[in-house]
Amino acid sequence: MAQWTGVHYTMLSVTIAACGVFIVAARRIRGTTKETFYRQMTGWVMLVLGTAWTIVSLDPSQFDIRESLPLHLCDILRPVLALGLITGNEHALTLTYYWGIILNPQAIITPDVIYYFDPRWLRFATYWFFHITALAIPLALTFGLGYRPTWKGYRFAVGVTPVWMASVMAVNARTDGNYGFLNHAPGSPSIINLLGPWPWYILAEIGAVASAWAAMTWPWETRRLRRGTVAAGAKGLLRRSVRAVANRL
């Protein structure tokens, strides 16, 4: 799909609208008896759809080991996000926040839709659906349901992400794939192209992402915004607005 065309602008508009709808909907159910039900139902829908697409995309007649394995960050994020919504697991919700809001949008701003699967419309639809929801849901959790990141959660995300990177780079070495765009930059223009040649752009990415995540954490951890929140889990990876929690009791 060509970037910065009518189709791309349309999908960007859909993304913005979807984020707004998710946030408004989350604010409407925040602190009510319906919150857990709708959160879990959304998680189950995402899990079923994500699993179905993974199975379909592994169709042996179209399988390409360089493209078909669900190893891109957004592929890993699908079950992580669903698990977080269904169970409220703070580890999963923490990764949903950091991965979904910063890393995932690169595929929206500079899409690299590789049509390795027929029918093409299904590949197009799943690409945009899963990337849009992977952004809209963490935004809804944050600005709708009142979840807040913490420095503990930041350290967890910073520690886990390199594990994914190392695993994917090992697979790339065996398959000649480019999962996670860790073997070379995308074929279409992207932010990665601005960070220099491989492997230096990977080091630049690590620094840029760690800095961006810190910027996403610091405001919520200031004394003013931390006031009126409680830990959302035993590990303290996330916090929640006291008002949102109290209203459910």
Protein backbone atom coordinates (compact mmCIF):
# COMPACT_ATOMS: atom_id res chain seq x y z
CA MET A 1 0.00 0.00 0.00
CA ALA A 2 1.41 3.36 -1.02
CA GLN A 3 1.99 5.85 1.79
CA TRP A 4 0.42 9.30 1.97
CA THR A 5 -2.28 8.50 -0.56
CA GLY A 6 -6.04 8.84 -0.28
CA VAL A 7 -6.32 5.34 1.18
CA HIS A 8 -3.62 6.04 3.75
CA TYR A 9 -5.21 9.33 4.80
CA THR A 10 -8.55 7.56 5.10
CA MET A 11 -7.08 4.93 7.40
CA LEU A 12 -5.36 7.61 9.48
CA SER A 13 -8.75 9.30 9.90
CA VAL A 14 -10.32 5.98 10.89
CA THR A 15 -7.53 5.49 13.43
CA ILE A 16 -8.14 8.87 15.05
CA ALA A 17 -11.90 8.31 15.13
CA ALA A 18 -11.51 4.82 16.60
CA CYS A 19 -9.22 6.09 19.36
CA GLY A 20 -11.76 8.75 20.24
CA VAL A 21 -14.63 6.26 20.32
CA PHE A 22 -12.70 3.82 22.50
CA ILE A 23 -11.73 6.53 25.00
CA VAL A 24 -15.27 7.92 25.25
CA ALA A 25 -16.74 4.42 25.63
CA ALA A 26 -14.22 3.56 28.34
CA ARG A 27 -15.01 6.74 30.26
CA ARG A 28 -18.72 5.89 30.17
CA ILE A 29 -18.22 2.52 31.86
CA ARG A 30 -15.33 3.55 34.12
CA GLY A 31 -16.04 2.66 37.72
CA THR A 32 -19.38 1.01 36.93
CA THR A 33 -20.42 -2.60 37.39
CA LYS A 34 -20.20 -2.99 33.59
CA GLU A 35 -16.51 -2.12 33.37
CA THR A 36 -15.08 -5.57 34.03
CA PHE A 37 -17.61 -7.25 31.75
CA TYR A 38 -16.90 -5.01 28.77
CA ARG A 39 -13.15 -5.08 29.35
CA GLN A 40 -13.13 -8.86 29.43
CA MET A 41 -15.48 -9.19 26.46
CA THR A 42 -13.23 -6.92 24.42
CA GLY A 43 -10.31 -9.13 25.40
CA TRP A 44 -12.11 -12.29 24.33
CA VAL A 45 -13.08 -10.75 20.99
CA MET A 46 -9.47 -9.71 20.38
CA LEU A 47 -8.21 -13.16 21.39
CA VAL A 48 -10.63 -15.00 19.10
CA LEU A 49 -10.00 -12.72 16.12
CA GLY A 50 -6.25 -12.69 16.67
CA THR A 51 -6.08 -16.47 16.97
CA ALA A 52 -8.28 -16.94 13.91
CA TRP A 53 -6.09 -14.65 11.80
CA THR A 54 -2.92 -16.37 12.99
CA ILE A 55 -4.32 -19.75 11.96
CA VAL A 56 -5.58 -18.49 8.59
CA SER A 57 -2.32 -16.68 7.81
CA LEU A 58 -0.39 -19.93 8.32
CA ASP A 59 -2.21 -21.49 5.36
CA PRO A 60 0.36 -24.00 4.01
CA SER A 61 -0.44 -23.12 0.40
CA GLN A 62 0.63 -19.51 0.99
CA PHE A 63 3.14 -19.97 3.78
CA ASP A 64 6.39 -18.02 3.48
CA ILE A 65 8.70 -18.54 6.43
CA ARG A 66 10.19 -15.08 5.85
CA GLU A 67 6.80 -13.35 6.29
CA SER A 68 4.14 -15.64 7.74
CA LEU A 69 5.35 -16.34 11.27
CA PRO A 70 3.58 -14.19 13.91
CA LEU A 71 6.78 -12.66 15.26
CA HIS A 72 6.45 -8.94 14.55
CA LEU A 73 5.94 -6.94 17.72
CA CYS A 74 2.30 -6.28 16.80
CA ASP A 75 1.78 -10.03 16.35
CA ILE A 76 3.10 -10.69 19.85
CA LEU A 77 1.07 -7.79 21.20
CA ARG A 78 -2.24 -9.33 20.08
CA PRO A 79 -2.34 -12.16 22.66
CA VAL A 80 -0.60 -10.00 25.28
CA LEU A 81 -3.26 -7.31 24.91
CA ALA A 82 -6.08 -9.86 25.00
CA LEU A 83 -4.63 -11.51 28.12
CA GLY A 84 -4.38 -8.15 29.85
CA LEU A 85 -7.99 -7.26 29.11
CA ILE A 86 -9.37 -10.66 30.10
CA THR A 87 -7.40 -11.17 33.31
CA GLY A 88 -6.33 -7.67 34.29
CA ASN A 89 -2.75 -8.99 34.47
CA GLU A 90 -0.52 -6.00 35.19
CA HIS A 91 2.43 -7.38 33.23
CA ALA A 92 0.33 -7.76 30.09
CA LEU A 93 -1.34 -4.38 30.53
CA THR A 94 2.04 -2.71 31.04
CA LEU A 95 3.37 -4.08 27.75
CA THR A 96 0.10 -3.10 26.08
CA TYR A 97 0.70 0.49 27.17
CA TYR A 98 4.32 0.80 26.11
CA TRP A 99 4.24 -1.36 22.98
CA GLY A 100 0.83 -0.23 21.80
CA ILE A 101 1.26 3.53 22.10
CA ILE A 102 4.83 3.99 20.84
CA LEU A 103 6.02 1.02 18.77
CA ASN A 104 2.75 -0.05 17.15
CA PRO A 105 1.88 3.38 15.60
CA GLN A 106 4.94 3.21 13.33
CA ALA A 107 2.95 0.72 11.25
CA ILE A 108 0.11 3.24 11.07
CA ILE A 109 2.14 6.35 10.27
CA THR A 110 4.42 4.63 7.74
CA PRO A 111 2.58 1.42 6.78
CA ASP A 112 4.48 -1.41 5.15
CA VAL A 113 1.62 -3.69 4.09
CA ILE A 114 3.18 -6.71 2.42
CA TYR A 115 0.51 -8.62 0.53
CA TYR A 116 1.93 -12.09 1.11
CA PHE A 117 -1.57 -13.47 1.65
CA ASP A 118 -4.62 -13.75 -0.62
CA PRO A 119 -7.25 -12.43 -0.69
CA ARG A 120 -5.51 -9.08 -0.50
CA TRP A 121 -8.52 -7.36 1.07
CA LEU A 122 -8.28 -9.69 4.08
CA ARG A 123 -4.61 -8.89 4.57
CA PHE A 124 -5.41 -5.17 4.30
CA ALA A 125 -8.34 -5.42 6.74
CA THR A 126 -6.47 -7.42 9.37
CA TYR A 127 -3.39 -5.21 9.12
CA TRP A 128 -5.36 -2.08 9.89
CA PHE A 129 -7.81 -3.60 12.37
CA PHE A 130 -5.13 -5.05 14.62
CA HIS A 131 -2.84 -2.03 14.45
CA ILE A 132 -5.66 0.44 15.12
CA THR A 133 -7.05 -1.52 18.07
CA ALA A 134 -3.53 -2.01 19.46
CA LEU A 135 -3.33 1.79 19.73
CA ALA A 136 -6.93 2.58 20.68
CA ILE A 137 -7.13 0.06 23.53
CA PRO A 138 -4.11 1.26 25.58
CA LEU A 139 -5.26 4.85 25.06
CA ALA A 140 -8.70 3.86 26.36
CA LEU A 141 -7.14 2.09 29.34
CA THR A 142 -5.13 5.21 30.16
CA PHE A 143 -7.47 8.09 29.41
CA GLY A 144 -10.71 6.17 29.79
CA LEU A 145 -10.32 3.68 32.63
CA GLY A 146 -7.65 5.57 34.55
CA TYR A 147 -4.67 3.21 34.39
CA ARG A 148 -1.28 4.87 34.89
CA PRO A 149 2.25 3.63 34.13
CA THR A 150 4.92 3.56 36.82
CA TRP A 151 8.71 3.46 36.83
CA LYS A 152 8.49 -0.20 37.87
CA GLY A 153 6.41 -0.87 34.79
CA TYR A 154 8.88 1.09 32.69
CA ARG A 155 11.76 -1.07 33.91
CA PHE A 156 9.74 -4.21 33.20
CA ALA A 157 9.04 -3.14 29.60
CA VAL A 158 12.66 -2.10 29.06
CA GLY A 159 13.78 -5.49 30.37
CA VAL A 160 11.34 -7.66 28.41
CA THR A 161 11.57 -5.99 25.00
CA PRO A 162 15.23 -6.93 24.36
CA VAL A 163 14.27 -10.57 24.99
CA TRP A 164 11.78 -10.36 22.12
CA MET A 165 14.39 -8.61 19.97
CA ALA A 166 17.05 -11.25 20.60
CA SER A 167 14.61 -14.09 19.92
CA VAL A 168 13.41 -12.55 16.67
CA MET A 169 16.94 -11.78 15.48
CA ALA A 170 17.80 -15.45 16.00
CA VAL A 171 14.81 -16.46 13.86
CA ASN A 172 15.75 -13.91 11.21
CA ALA A 173 19.24 -15.39 11.04
CA ARG A 174 17.80 -18.86 10.39
CA THR A 175 15.03 -17.87 7.96
CA ASP A 176 16.43 -14.81 6.17
CA GLY A 177 13.31 -13.04 7.39
CA ASN A 178 12.97 -9.48 8.61
CA TYR A 179 10.65 -9.86 11.56
CA GLY A 180 10.57 -6.76 13.71
CA PHE A 181 12.53 -5.01 10.94
CA LEU A 182 15.61 -6.10 12.85
CA ASN A 183 17.47 -7.45 9.82
CA HIS A 184 17.09 -4.39 7.61
CA ALA A 185 14.85 -1.34 7.28
CA PRO A 186 11.41 -1.72 5.65
CA GLY A 187 11.19 -1.51 1.89
CA SER A 188 9.01 1.59 2.15
CA PRO A 189 9.98 4.88 3.86
CA SER A 190 9.87 4.76 7.65
CA ILE A 191 11.37 6.34 10.73
CA ILE A 192 13.91 3.51 10.78
CA ASN A 193 15.37 4.80 7.51
CA LEU A 194 16.36 7.99 9.34
CA LEU A 195 18.39 6.18 11.99
CA GLY A 196 21.31 5.02 9.88
CA PRO A 197 22.42 1.65 8.49
CA TRP A 198 22.08 -1.75 10.15
CA PRO A 199 23.01 -2.55 12.89
CA TRP A 200 23.43 1.02 14.11
CA TYR A 201 19.77 1.86 13.61
CA ILE A 202 18.89 -0.86 16.13
CA LEU A 203 21.01 0.85 18.79
CA ALA A 204 19.43 4.18 17.86
CA GLU A 205 15.97 2.61 18.15
CA ILE A 206 16.74 1.24 21.60
CA GLY A 207 17.84 4.65 22.83
CA ALA A 208 14.93 6.47 21.21
CA VAL A 209 12.32 4.02 22.50
CA ALA A 210 13.73 3.99 26.03
CA SER A 211 13.66 7.80 26.05
CA ALA A 212 10.12 7.94 24.64
CA TRP A 213 8.89 5.44 27.21
CA ALA A 214 10.50 7.47 29.97
CA ALA A 215 8.68 10.55 28.66
CA MET A 216 5.43 8.53 28.71
CA THR A 217 6.03 7.56 32.33
CA TRP A 218 7.45 10.64 34.03
CA PRO A 219 4.32 12.87 33.95
CA TRP A 220 2.19 10.16 35.59
CA GLU A 221 4.79 9.64 38.30
CA THR A 222 4.96 13.27 39.36
CA ARG A 223 3.56 13.96 42.81
CA ARG A 224 0.55 15.82 41.42
CA LEU A 225 -0.63 13.08 39.04
CA ARG A 226 0.33 10.22 41.35
CA ARG A 227 -1.88 11.67 44.06
CA GLY A 228 -5.28 9.98 44.13
CA THR A 229 -4.06 6.70 42.62
CA VAL A 230 -3.46 3.22 44.01
CA ALA A 231 -1.45 0.24 42.78
CA ALA A 232 -3.39 -1.73 40.17
CA GLY A 233 -1.55 -4.95 41.00
CA ALA A 234 0.73 -6.59 43.53
CA LYS A 235 3.90 -5.71 41.60
CA GLY A 236 3.07 -2.02 41.26
CA LEU A 237 3.66 -1.96 37.49
CA LEU A 238 0.54 0.15 37.03
CA ARG A 239 -1.59 2.47 39.15
CA ARG A 240 -5.25 3.41 38.90
CA SER A 241 -7.36 6.36 39.85
CA VAL A 242 -8.82 5.88 43.33
CA ARG A 243 -12.12 7.26 42.06
CA ALA A 244 -12.36 4.59 39.36
CA VAL A 245 -11.62 1.83 41.86
CA ALA A 246 -13.88 3.21 44.61
CA ASN A 247 -16.86 3.55 42.30
CA ARG A 248 -16.74 -0.18 41.57
CA LEU A 249 -16.92 -1.16 45.24
